[in-house]
Structure formats: structure tokens, C-alpha cells
Amino acid sequence: MKRVDIDTSVVVAALRSRLGASNLLLRQVADSQLSLLLSPALFLEYEEVLKRPEHRLVHRLREEQVDEFLAEIAAIAVPVDLHYQWRPLASDPSDEMVLETAINGQADALITFNVQDFEAAKRFRISVLTPGQFLRRSHHE
């Protein structure tokens, strides 16, 4: 099973639209078709971002529903302890925890809308793909 590290922006997009590639990725995680790698720092970022008022206006989940969603994610994710920090490698400092989760979790892919921000992942043989690219590639394998 492929081990994936999913950037926060992809999780936000998944909750904003049930029809997009991001939502399909999370459904594949829920159906045990993909293993989601998750560090404590990345989980906390998911929580903080998903609870922002501007996102709650769009995904229309109450705070309790966001907590339930996150509890489900935590229950099925593969926990990643950050034994070694690789900073600074990402072009955007806020992306460091995503990259560190991918490296420490030995991800097959880091899935993001900001592919250019994760060039350093290639040094660790981690594919950096958008949700659509990942799904197309997986479909052909």
C-alpha cells in the first residue's frame, strides 16, 4: 500500500468539495487503499487550518464535526515521529513539517497543490504530485 503525506491545502480542498481529486484521495485513505502519514505537528496544523472561520464558511462543518473528522483521520493514519529534522529544506518555512513528515515516514508521495515548494523531497526519492497527478499515476500502475 502506498504511503502518502497529504499537505494541509489538499485536506482543506477535500472538505470544500466532494467532487474533486482531493476528496477522492481522502476516501481512498478511509477505504484503506492508501496509508496516510501523519506527524503530531502536521495533525495540529490540519486542526488549526480547518477550524479557521474562512474555511468553516465554505466547508460548513461545525467545530465538533471538524473534531470528529480529525479523530477519524487520527485513528486511521500511520503515526510518524520526527526523529530527525531536516530544516531548512522547503522553500516556504511553513512547509517544513509536511516535508519532515514525508521524509521521516518514508512516503512514496507527498501530495500538494504547491509542488514547486517541495523540490527537496526529490533528494529523498519522494514523488511530489498534485492530487490529480497522483490519482492519474495510480490509475496507470
N, C-alpha and C. Protein backbone atom coordinates (compact mmCIF):
# COMPACT_ATOMS: atom_id res chain seq x y z
N MET A 1 0.85 -1.18 0.00
CA MET A 1 0.00 0.00 0.00
C MET A 1 0.90 1.24 0.00
N LYS A 2 0.53 2.20 -0.82
CA LYS A 2 1.31 3.44 -0.92
C LYS A 2 1.17 4.27 0.35
N ARG A 3 2.30 4.83 0.75
CA ARG A 3 2.36 5.70 1.92
C ARG A 3 2.38 7.13 1.41
N VAL A 4 1.38 7.92 1.82
CA VAL A 4 1.27 9.29 1.32
C VAL A 4 1.26 10.29 2.47
N ASP A 5 1.84 11.43 2.16
CA ASP A 5 1.84 12.58 3.06
C ASP A 5 1.00 13.63 2.35
N ILE A 6 -0.07 14.06 2.98
CA ILE A 6 -1.01 14.98 2.33
C ILE A 6 -0.90 16.36 2.97
N ASP A 7 -0.58 17.33 2.14
CA ASP A 7 -0.45 18.73 2.57
C ASP A 7 -1.81 19.24 3.04
N THR A 8 -1.76 20.18 3.97
CA THR A 8 -2.98 20.74 4.56
C THR A 8 -3.93 21.32 3.52
N SER A 9 -3.39 21.97 2.51
CA SER A 9 -4.24 22.58 1.48
C SER A 9 -5.09 21.53 0.75
N VAL A 10 -4.59 20.33 0.64
CA VAL A 10 -5.34 19.24 -0.01
C VAL A 10 -6.48 18.78 0.89
N VAL A 11 -6.23 18.71 2.19
CA VAL A 11 -7.29 18.33 3.14
C VAL A 11 -8.39 19.39 3.13
N VAL A 12 -8.00 20.66 3.10
CA VAL A 12 -8.98 21.74 3.03
C VAL A 12 -9.82 21.60 1.77
N ALA A 13 -9.17 21.38 0.64
CA ALA A 13 -9.89 21.24 -0.64
C ALA A 13 -10.83 20.04 -0.60
N ALA A 14 -10.41 18.96 0.06
CA ALA A 14 -11.26 17.76 0.15
C ALA A 14 -12.56 18.05 0.88
N LEU A 15 -12.49 18.88 1.91
CA LEU A 15 -13.70 19.20 2.66
C LEU A 15 -14.55 20.26 1.96
N ARG A 16 -13.92 21.04 1.11
CA ARG A 16 -14.65 22.09 0.40
C ARG A 16 -15.48 21.52 -0.76
N SER A 17 -15.03 20.42 -1.35
CA SER A 17 -15.74 19.83 -2.49
C SER A 17 -15.69 18.32 -2.43
N ARG A 18 -16.84 17.70 -2.52
CA ARG A 18 -16.91 16.25 -2.51
C ARG A 18 -16.62 15.65 -3.89
N LEU A 19 -16.48 16.50 -4.89
CA LEU A 19 -16.33 16.03 -6.26
C LEU A 19 -14.89 16.01 -6.76
N GLY A 20 -13.96 16.62 -6.05
CA GLY A 20 -12.61 16.78 -6.56
C GLY A 20 -11.67 15.63 -6.24
N ALA A 21 -10.48 15.73 -6.80
CA ALA A 21 -9.44 14.73 -6.60
C ALA A 21 -9.02 14.66 -5.14
N SER A 22 -9.01 15.79 -4.45
CA SER A 22 -8.60 15.81 -3.04
C SER A 22 -9.55 14.97 -2.19
N ASN A 23 -10.83 15.09 -2.44
CA ASN A 23 -11.82 14.32 -1.70
C ASN A 23 -11.67 12.83 -2.00
N LEU A 24 -11.42 12.51 -3.25
CA LEU A 24 -11.22 11.11 -3.63
C LEU A 24 -10.00 10.53 -2.91
N LEU A 25 -8.95 11.30 -2.78
CA LEU A 25 -7.78 10.83 -2.04
C LEU A 25 -8.13 10.48 -0.60
N LEU A 26 -8.87 11.36 0.06
CA LEU A 26 -9.25 11.07 1.45
C LEU A 26 -10.17 9.87 1.55
N ARG A 27 -11.03 9.69 0.54
CA ARG A 27 -11.87 8.48 0.54
C ARG A 27 -11.02 7.24 0.38
N GLN A 28 -9.96 7.31 -0.42
CA GLN A 28 -9.07 6.16 -0.57
C GLN A 28 -8.32 5.87 0.73
N VAL A 29 -7.98 6.90 1.47
CA VAL A 29 -7.37 6.71 2.78
C VAL A 29 -8.38 6.02 3.70
N ALA A 30 -9.62 6.51 3.71
CA ALA A 30 -10.66 5.93 4.57
C ALA A 30 -10.96 4.48 4.20
N ASP A 31 -10.82 4.15 2.92
CA ASP A 31 -11.08 2.78 2.45
C ASP A 31 -9.85 1.89 2.52
N SER A 32 -8.79 2.36 3.19
CA SER A 32 -7.54 1.62 3.36
C SER A 32 -6.85 1.27 2.04
N GLN A 33 -7.03 2.12 1.04
CA GLN A 33 -6.32 1.94 -0.23
C GLN A 33 -4.98 2.68 -0.20
N LEU A 34 -4.86 3.66 0.69
CA LEU A 34 -3.65 4.44 0.87
C LEU A 34 -3.37 4.56 2.37
N SER A 35 -2.10 4.61 2.73
CA SER A 35 -1.72 4.85 4.12
C SER A 35 -1.35 6.32 4.26
N LEU A 36 -2.06 7.03 5.11
CA LEU A 36 -1.80 8.44 5.37
C LEU A 36 -0.77 8.57 6.48
N LEU A 37 0.33 9.25 6.19
CA LEU A 37 1.36 9.52 7.18
C LEU A 37 1.01 10.81 7.90
N LEU A 38 1.13 10.81 9.22
CA LEU A 38 0.73 12.00 9.96
C LEU A 38 1.60 12.16 11.21
N SER A 39 2.28 13.30 11.29
CA SER A 39 3.05 13.63 12.48
C SER A 39 2.17 14.49 13.40
N PRO A 40 2.52 14.56 14.68
CA PRO A 40 1.73 15.42 15.57
C PRO A 40 1.67 16.87 15.09
N ALA A 41 2.78 17.41 14.61
CA ALA A 41 2.78 18.80 14.15
C ALA A 41 1.87 19.00 12.95
N LEU A 42 1.87 18.06 12.03
CA LEU A 42 1.01 18.17 10.85
C LEU A 42 -0.45 18.03 11.24
N PHE A 43 -0.75 17.11 12.17
CA PHE A 43 -2.13 16.97 12.65
C PHE A 43 -2.62 18.28 13.26
N LEU A 44 -1.78 18.91 14.08
CA LEU A 44 -2.18 20.18 14.70
C LEU A 44 -2.39 21.27 13.65
N GLU A 45 -1.60 21.23 12.59
CA GLU A 45 -1.82 22.21 11.53
C GLU A 45 -3.15 21.95 10.83
N TYR A 46 -3.48 20.68 10.54
CA TYR A 46 -4.78 20.35 9.97
C TYR A 46 -5.88 20.97 10.83
N GLU A 47 -5.79 20.73 12.15
CA GLU A 47 -6.82 21.21 13.07
C GLU A 47 -6.94 22.73 13.04
N GLU A 48 -5.82 23.41 13.14
CA GLU A 48 -5.83 24.88 13.18
C GLU A 48 -6.42 25.45 11.89
N VAL A 49 -6.01 24.93 10.77
CA VAL A 49 -6.46 25.47 9.49
C VAL A 49 -7.93 25.14 9.23
N LEU A 50 -8.34 23.91 9.50
CA LEU A 50 -9.73 23.52 9.24
C LEU A 50 -10.72 24.28 10.11
N LYS A 51 -10.27 24.76 11.25
CA LYS A 51 -11.17 25.50 12.16
C LYS A 51 -11.18 27.01 11.90
N ARG A 52 -10.40 27.48 10.96
CA ARG A 52 -10.41 28.91 10.64
C ARG A 52 -11.79 29.29 10.12
N PRO A 53 -12.28 30.46 10.52
CA PRO A 53 -13.62 30.90 10.09
C PRO A 53 -13.81 30.91 8.57
N GLU A 54 -12.79 31.35 7.83
CA GLU A 54 -12.95 31.41 6.37
C GLU A 54 -13.13 30.04 5.74
N HIS A 55 -12.54 29.00 6.33
CA HIS A 55 -12.73 27.65 5.81
C HIS A 55 -14.05 27.05 6.28
N ARG A 56 -14.42 27.35 7.52
CA ARG A 56 -15.69 26.83 8.05
C ARG A 56 -16.87 27.40 7.28
N LEU A 57 -16.75 28.63 6.78
CA LEU A 57 -17.81 29.21 5.97
C LEU A 57 -18.04 28.41 4.69
N VAL A 58 -16.98 27.83 4.16
CA VAL A 58 -17.09 27.09 2.90
C VAL A 58 -17.43 25.62 3.13
N HIS A 59 -16.69 24.94 4.04
CA HIS A 59 -16.98 23.51 4.23
C HIS A 59 -18.20 23.27 5.12
N ARG A 60 -18.64 24.32 5.81
CA ARG A 60 -19.88 24.31 6.60
C ARG A 60 -19.94 23.24 7.70
N LEU A 61 -18.79 22.90 8.23
CA LEU A 61 -18.75 21.95 9.34
C LEU A 61 -18.66 22.74 10.65
N ARG A 62 -19.45 22.29 11.63
CA ARG A 62 -19.34 22.87 12.96
C ARG A 62 -18.01 22.42 13.56
N GLU A 63 -17.57 23.12 14.57
CA GLU A 63 -16.29 22.77 15.19
C GLU A 63 -16.29 21.32 15.68
N GLU A 64 -17.41 20.85 16.22
CA GLU A 64 -17.50 19.45 16.69
C GLU A 64 -17.35 18.48 15.52
N GLN A 65 -17.88 18.83 14.36
CA GLN A 65 -17.76 17.98 13.18
C GLN A 65 -16.32 17.93 12.68
N VAL A 66 -15.63 19.06 12.77
CA VAL A 66 -14.21 19.08 12.41
C VAL A 66 -13.44 18.17 13.36
N ASP A 67 -13.76 18.24 14.66
CA ASP A 67 -13.11 17.36 15.64
C ASP A 67 -13.38 15.89 15.33
N GLU A 68 -14.61 15.56 14.94
CA GLU A 68 -14.93 14.17 14.59
C GLU A 68 -14.15 13.72 13.36
N PHE A 69 -14.07 14.58 12.35
CA PHE A 69 -13.30 14.28 11.15
C PHE A 69 -11.84 14.03 11.52
N LEU A 70 -11.27 14.91 12.33
CA LEU A 70 -9.88 14.77 12.72
C LEU A 70 -9.65 13.52 13.56
N ALA A 71 -10.59 13.17 14.41
CA ALA A 71 -10.47 11.94 15.20
C ALA A 71 -10.44 10.71 14.29
N GLU A 72 -11.26 10.73 13.24
CA GLU A 72 -11.24 9.62 12.28
C GLU A 72 -9.92 9.56 11.53
N ILE A 73 -9.40 10.71 11.14
CA ILE A 73 -8.10 10.77 10.46
C ILE A 73 -7.02 10.22 11.39
N ALA A 74 -7.02 10.66 12.63
CA ALA A 74 -6.01 10.20 13.59
C ALA A 74 -6.09 8.70 13.81
N ALA A 75 -7.30 8.15 13.80
CA ALA A 75 -7.48 6.73 14.05
C ALA A 75 -6.94 5.85 12.91
N ILE A 76 -6.98 6.37 11.69
CA ILE A 76 -6.55 5.53 10.55
C ILE A 76 -5.15 5.89 10.03
N ALA A 77 -4.61 7.02 10.46
CA ALA A 77 -3.30 7.46 9.96
C ALA A 77 -2.17 6.64 10.56
N VAL A 78 -1.07 6.60 9.84
CA VAL A 78 0.16 5.98 10.33
C VAL A 78 0.94 7.08 11.06
N PRO A 79 1.12 6.93 12.38
CA PRO A 79 1.81 7.99 13.12
C PRO A 79 3.29 8.05 12.72
N VAL A 80 3.78 9.28 12.59
CA VAL A 80 5.18 9.50 12.23
C VAL A 80 5.83 10.35 13.31
N ASP A 81 6.83 9.77 13.94
CA ASP A 81 7.63 10.53 14.90
C ASP A 81 8.77 11.18 14.12
N LEU A 82 9.02 12.44 14.42
CA LEU A 82 10.09 13.15 13.73
C LEU A 82 11.38 12.94 14.50
N HIS A 83 12.11 11.89 14.10
CA HIS A 83 13.36 11.57 14.77
C HIS A 83 14.49 12.50 14.35
N TYR A 84 14.33 13.06 13.16
CA TYR A 84 15.37 13.95 12.66
C TYR A 84 14.72 15.08 11.91
N GLN A 85 15.13 16.29 12.19
CA GLN A 85 14.59 17.44 11.48
C GLN A 85 15.56 17.83 10.36
N TRP A 86 14.99 18.07 9.20
CA TRP A 86 15.78 18.34 8.01
C TRP A 86 15.79 19.82 7.64
N ARG A 87 15.48 20.69 8.56
CA ARG A 87 15.32 22.11 8.24
C ARG A 87 16.65 22.79 8.00
N PRO A 88 16.69 23.80 7.19
CA PRO A 88 15.64 24.23 6.27
C PRO A 88 15.82 23.57 4.89
N LEU A 89 14.79 22.96 4.40
CA LEU A 89 14.82 22.36 3.07
C LEU A 89 13.73 22.90 2.16
N ALA A 90 12.58 23.20 2.71
CA ALA A 90 11.46 23.69 1.90
C ALA A 90 11.65 25.17 1.60
N SER A 91 11.12 25.58 0.46
CA SER A 91 11.25 27.00 0.09
C SER A 91 10.36 27.89 0.97
N ASP A 92 9.30 27.33 1.53
CA ASP A 92 8.40 28.04 2.42
C ASP A 92 8.56 27.43 3.82
N PRO A 93 9.00 28.19 4.81
CA PRO A 93 9.22 27.63 6.15
C PRO A 93 7.99 26.92 6.74
N SER A 94 6.80 27.35 6.36
CA SER A 94 5.59 26.70 6.90
C SER A 94 5.38 25.31 6.31
N ASP A 95 6.13 24.96 5.27
CA ASP A 95 6.00 23.63 4.66
C ASP A 95 6.98 22.62 5.26
N GLU A 96 7.85 23.07 6.14
CA GLU A 96 8.87 22.18 6.70
C GLU A 96 8.26 20.95 7.38
N MET A 97 7.18 21.13 8.15
CA MET A 97 6.61 19.98 8.87
C MET A 97 6.01 18.96 7.91
N VAL A 98 5.52 19.41 6.77
CA VAL A 98 4.98 18.49 5.77
C VAL A 98 6.12 17.67 5.18
N LEU A 99 7.20 18.35 4.82
CA LEU A 99 8.36 17.68 4.25
C LEU A 99 9.00 16.72 5.25
N GLU A 100 9.13 17.15 6.50
CA GLU A 100 9.71 16.28 7.52
C GLU A 100 8.86 15.04 7.77
N THR A 101 7.54 15.18 7.70
CA THR A 101 6.66 14.02 7.85
C THR A 101 6.89 13.04 6.70
N ALA A 102 7.01 13.55 5.49
CA ALA A 102 7.25 12.69 4.33
C ALA A 102 8.57 11.96 4.44
N ILE A 103 9.62 12.67 4.82
CA ILE A 103 10.95 12.05 4.92
C ILE A 103 10.99 11.03 6.04
N ASN A 104 10.58 11.42 7.25
CA ASN A 104 10.63 10.51 8.39
C ASN A 104 9.67 9.33 8.25
N GLY A 105 8.57 9.54 7.53
CA GLY A 105 7.59 8.47 7.33
C GLY A 105 7.86 7.62 6.11
N GLN A 106 8.94 7.91 5.39
CA GLN A 106 9.30 7.18 4.18
C GLN A 106 8.13 7.13 3.20
N ALA A 107 7.63 8.31 2.89
CA ALA A 107 6.48 8.44 1.99
C ALA A 107 6.85 8.03 0.57
N ASP A 108 5.87 7.45 -0.11
CA ASP A 108 6.00 7.20 -1.54
C ASP A 108 5.69 8.48 -2.30
N ALA A 109 4.80 9.29 -1.73
CA ALA A 109 4.40 10.53 -2.39
C ALA A 109 4.01 11.57 -1.37
N LEU A 110 4.32 12.80 -1.71
CA LEU A 110 3.87 13.97 -0.97
C LEU A 110 2.87 14.65 -1.90
N ILE A 111 1.64 14.78 -1.44
CA ILE A 111 0.56 15.29 -2.29
C ILE A 111 0.23 16.71 -1.86
N THR A 112 0.33 17.64 -2.81
CA THR A 112 0.19 19.06 -2.52
C THR A 112 -0.24 19.81 -3.78
N PHE A 113 -0.76 21.00 -3.58
CA PHE A 113 -1.01 21.89 -4.71
C PHE A 113 0.22 22.76 -4.98
N ASN A 114 1.16 22.75 -4.06
CA ASN A 114 2.35 23.60 -4.15
C ASN A 114 3.59 22.77 -4.47
N VAL A 115 3.56 22.09 -5.60
CA VAL A 115 4.63 21.17 -5.98
C VAL A 115 5.99 21.86 -5.95
N GLN A 116 6.07 23.09 -6.43
CA GLN A 116 7.34 23.81 -6.51
C GLN A 116 7.96 24.05 -5.13
N ASP A 117 7.16 24.04 -4.07
CA ASP A 117 7.68 24.29 -2.72
C ASP A 117 8.40 23.08 -2.13
N PHE A 118 8.29 21.93 -2.78
CA PHE A 118 8.83 20.70 -2.20
C PHE A 118 9.88 20.02 -3.08
N GLU A 119 10.66 20.81 -3.79
CA GLU A 119 11.71 20.27 -4.64
C GLU A 119 12.68 19.38 -3.85
N ALA A 120 12.92 19.72 -2.60
CA ALA A 120 13.88 18.97 -1.77
C ALA A 120 13.46 17.51 -1.57
N ALA A 121 12.17 17.22 -1.67
CA ALA A 121 11.70 15.84 -1.47
C ALA A 121 12.30 14.88 -2.50
N LYS A 122 12.61 15.39 -3.66
CA LYS A 122 13.18 14.54 -4.72
C LYS A 122 14.52 13.95 -4.30
N ARG A 123 15.26 14.67 -3.46
CA ARG A 123 16.54 14.14 -2.95
C ARG A 123 16.33 12.86 -2.14
N PHE A 124 15.13 12.70 -1.62
CA PHE A 124 14.81 11.53 -0.79
C PHE A 124 13.95 10.52 -1.57
N ARG A 125 13.88 10.72 -2.87
CA ARG A 125 13.11 9.84 -3.78
C ARG A 125 11.63 9.79 -3.42
N ILE A 126 11.11 10.93 -3.04
CA ILE A 126 9.69 11.06 -2.74
C ILE A 126 9.06 11.84 -3.88
N SER A 127 8.06 11.25 -4.51
CA SER A 127 7.34 11.94 -5.58
C SER A 127 6.52 13.07 -4.99
N VAL A 128 6.53 14.21 -5.65
CA VAL A 128 5.74 15.35 -5.23
C VAL A 128 4.73 15.61 -6.33
N LEU A 129 3.45 15.41 -6.01
CA LEU A 129 2.39 15.44 -7.02
C LEU A 129 1.17 16.20 -6.52
N THR A 130 0.41 16.75 -7.46
CA THR A 130 -0.90 17.30 -7.11
C THR A 130 -1.84 16.12 -6.91
N PRO A 131 -3.00 16.34 -6.30
CA PRO A 131 -3.95 15.23 -6.14
C PRO A 131 -4.31 14.58 -7.48
N GLY A 132 -4.58 15.39 -8.49
CA GLY A 132 -4.93 14.84 -9.81
C GLY A 132 -3.80 14.03 -10.41
N GLN A 133 -2.57 14.53 -10.32
CA GLN A 133 -1.42 13.79 -10.85
C GLN A 133 -1.26 12.46 -10.13
N PHE A 134 -1.41 12.48 -8.81
CA PHE A 134 -1.27 11.24 -8.05
C PHE A 134 -2.32 10.21 -8.48
N LEU A 135 -3.56 10.64 -8.60
CA LEU A 135 -4.64 9.72 -8.97
C LEU A 135 -4.43 9.17 -10.38
N ARG A 136 -4.02 10.03 -11.31
CA ARG A 136 -3.76 9.54 -12.69
C ARG A 136 -2.63 8.54 -12.70
N ARG A 137 -1.56 8.83 -11.97
CA ARG A 137 -0.40 7.92 -11.93
C ARG A 137 -0.81 6.60 -11.28
N SER A 138 -1.57 6.65 -10.20
CA SER A 138 -2.01 5.44 -9.51
C SER A 138 -2.92 4.59 -10.39
N HIS A 139 -3.73 5.27 -11.19
CA HIS A 139 -4.67 4.57 -12.08
C HIS A 139 -3.91 3.77 -13.15
N HIS A 140 -2.75 4.26 -13.56
CA HIS A 140 -1.98 3.61 -14.62
C HIS A 140 -1.02 2.55 -14.09
N GLU A 141 -0.89 2.45 -12.78
CA GLU A 141 0.05 1.44 -12.22
C GLU A 141 -0.63 0.13 -11.99
